[in-house]
Amino acid sequence: MDKDQINKYSEGKMELVANQRFASDPQMYKIIDFLNRTLKTHQLLFGLTKSEDGMNISVYEVE
């Protein structure tokens, strides 16, 4: 999730739906971008964070 997405949804309510850790993969950013562009009309937002031991994908429902 980038700063523009956070600012866009900061006015509304975001509820964490799911969270999952995966092994690091440089292509994961492209997948998250694709999901955010495709499913934004369904009030879903996907976030990606990177840590030392992998990547974490978060799924939010946005009001």
C-alpha atoms as a PDB file:
ATOM      1  CA  MET A   1       0.000   0.000   0.000  1.00  0.00           C
ATOM      2  CA  ASP A   2       1.547   3.309  -0.984  1.00  0.00           C
ATOM      3  CA  LYS A   3       1.082   6.783   0.548  1.00  0.00           C
ATOM      4  CA  ASP A   4      -1.562   7.809  -2.007  1.00  0.00           C
ATOM      5  CA  GLN A   5      -3.697   4.791  -1.135  1.00  0.00           C
ATOM      6  CA  ILE A   6      -3.341   5.459   2.593  1.00  0.00           C
ATOM      7  CA  ASN A   7      -4.338   9.105   2.133  1.00  0.00           C
ATOM      8  CA  LYS A   8      -7.262   8.162  -0.095  1.00  0.00           C
ATOM      9  CA  TYR A   9      -8.695   5.791   2.496  1.00  0.00           C
ATOM     10  CA  SER A  10      -7.724   7.721   5.624  1.00  0.00           C
ATOM     11  CA  GLU A  11     -11.075   9.499   5.483  1.00  0.00           C
ATOM     12  CA  GLY A  12     -12.975   6.183   5.536  1.00  0.00           C
ATOM     13  CA  LYS A  13     -12.829   3.158   7.775  1.00  0.00           C
ATOM     14  CA  MET A  14     -10.472   0.275   7.023  1.00  0.00           C
ATOM     15  CA  GLU A  15     -11.022  -3.118   8.628  1.00  0.00           C
ATOM     16  CA  LEU A  16      -8.365  -5.810   8.477  1.00  0.00           C
ATOM     17  CA  VAL A  17      -9.866  -8.935   6.897  1.00  0.00           C
ATOM     18  CA  ALA A  18      -6.802 -11.167   6.521  1.00  0.00           C
ATOM     19  CA  ASN A  19      -3.058 -11.173   6.968  1.00  0.00           C
ATOM     20  CA  GLN A  20      -0.542 -13.730   5.642  1.00  0.00           C
ATOM     21  CA  ARG A  21       3.265 -14.001   5.551  1.00  0.00           C
ATOM     22  CA  PHE A  22       5.081 -15.283   2.454  1.00  0.00           C
ATOM     23  CA  ALA A  23       8.662 -15.746   1.353  1.00  0.00           C
ATOM     24  CA  SER A  24      10.144 -12.636  -0.264  1.00  0.00           C
ATOM     25  CA  ASP A  25       9.501 -12.317  -3.985  1.00  0.00           C
ATOM     26  CA  PRO A  26      10.198  -9.183  -6.050  1.00  0.00           C
ATOM     27  CA  GLN A  27       7.102  -9.883  -8.199  1.00  0.00           C
ATOM     28  CA  MET A  28       4.783  -9.607  -5.176  1.00  0.00           C
ATOM     29  CA  TYR A  29       4.518  -5.815  -5.614  1.00  0.00           C
ATOM     30  CA  LYS A  30       3.092  -6.310  -9.099  1.00  0.00           C
ATOM     31  CA  ILE A  31       0.483  -8.735  -7.764  1.00  0.00           C
ATOM     32  CA  ILE A  32      -0.606  -6.336  -5.024  1.00  0.00           C
ATOM     33  CA  ASP A  33      -0.844  -3.471  -7.527  1.00  0.00           C
ATOM     34  CA  PHE A  34      -2.951  -5.643  -9.850  1.00  0.00           C
ATOM     35  CA  LEU A  35      -5.288  -6.667  -7.017  1.00  0.00           C
ATOM     36  CA  ASN A  36      -5.730  -3.074  -5.817  1.00  0.00           C
ATOM     37  CA  ARG A  37      -6.566  -1.802  -9.313  1.00  0.00           C
ATOM     38  CA  THR A  38      -8.889  -4.709 -10.061  1.00  0.00           C
ATOM     39  CA  LEU A  39     -10.797  -5.007  -6.785  1.00  0.00           C
ATOM     40  CA  LYS A  40     -11.087  -1.391  -5.613  1.00  0.00           C
ATOM     41  CA  THR A  41     -14.721  -1.309  -6.775  1.00  0.00           C
ATOM     42  CA  HIS A  42     -15.400  -4.154  -4.318  1.00  0.00           C
ATOM     43  CA  GLN A  43     -14.150  -2.016  -1.400  1.00  0.00           C
ATOM     44  CA  LEU A  44     -11.007  -4.139  -0.960  1.00  0.00           C
ATOM     45  CA  LEU A  45      -7.496  -2.804  -0.398  1.00  0.00           C
ATOM     46  CA  PHE A  46      -4.317  -4.884  -0.312  1.00  0.00           C
ATOM     47  CA  GLY A  47      -1.157  -3.917   1.536  1.00  0.00           C
ATOM     48  CA  LEU A  48       2.357  -5.342   1.364  1.00  0.00           C
ATOM     49  CA  THR A  49       5.083  -4.978   3.948  1.00  0.00           C
ATOM     50  CA  LYS A  50       8.573  -6.410   3.790  1.00  0.00           C
ATOM     51  CA  SER A  51      10.526  -7.669   6.768  1.00  0.00           C
ATOM     52  CA  GLU A  52      13.756  -9.576   7.329  1.00  0.00           C
ATOM     53  CA  ASP A  53      12.025 -12.944   7.137  1.00  0.00           C
ATOM     54  CA  GLY A  54       9.616 -12.376   4.250  1.00  0.00           C
ATOM     55  CA  MET A  55       6.673 -10.335   3.026  1.00  0.00           C
ATOM     56  CA  ASN A  56       3.335  -9.794   4.678  1.00  0.00           C
ATOM     57  CA  ILE A  57       0.135  -9.310   2.672  1.00  0.00           C
ATOM     58  CA  SER A  58      -2.801  -7.614   4.378  1.00  0.00           C
ATOM     59  CA  VAL A  59      -6.346  -7.453   3.038  1.00  0.00           C
ATOM     60  CA  TYR A  60      -8.623  -4.622   4.176  1.00  0.00           C
ATOM     61  CA  GLU A  61     -12.287  -3.898   3.638  1.00  0.00           C
ATOM     62  CA  VAL A  62     -12.838  -0.184   3.071  1.00  0.00           C
ATOM     63  CA  GLU A  63     -16.052   1.715   3.754  1.00  0.00           C
END
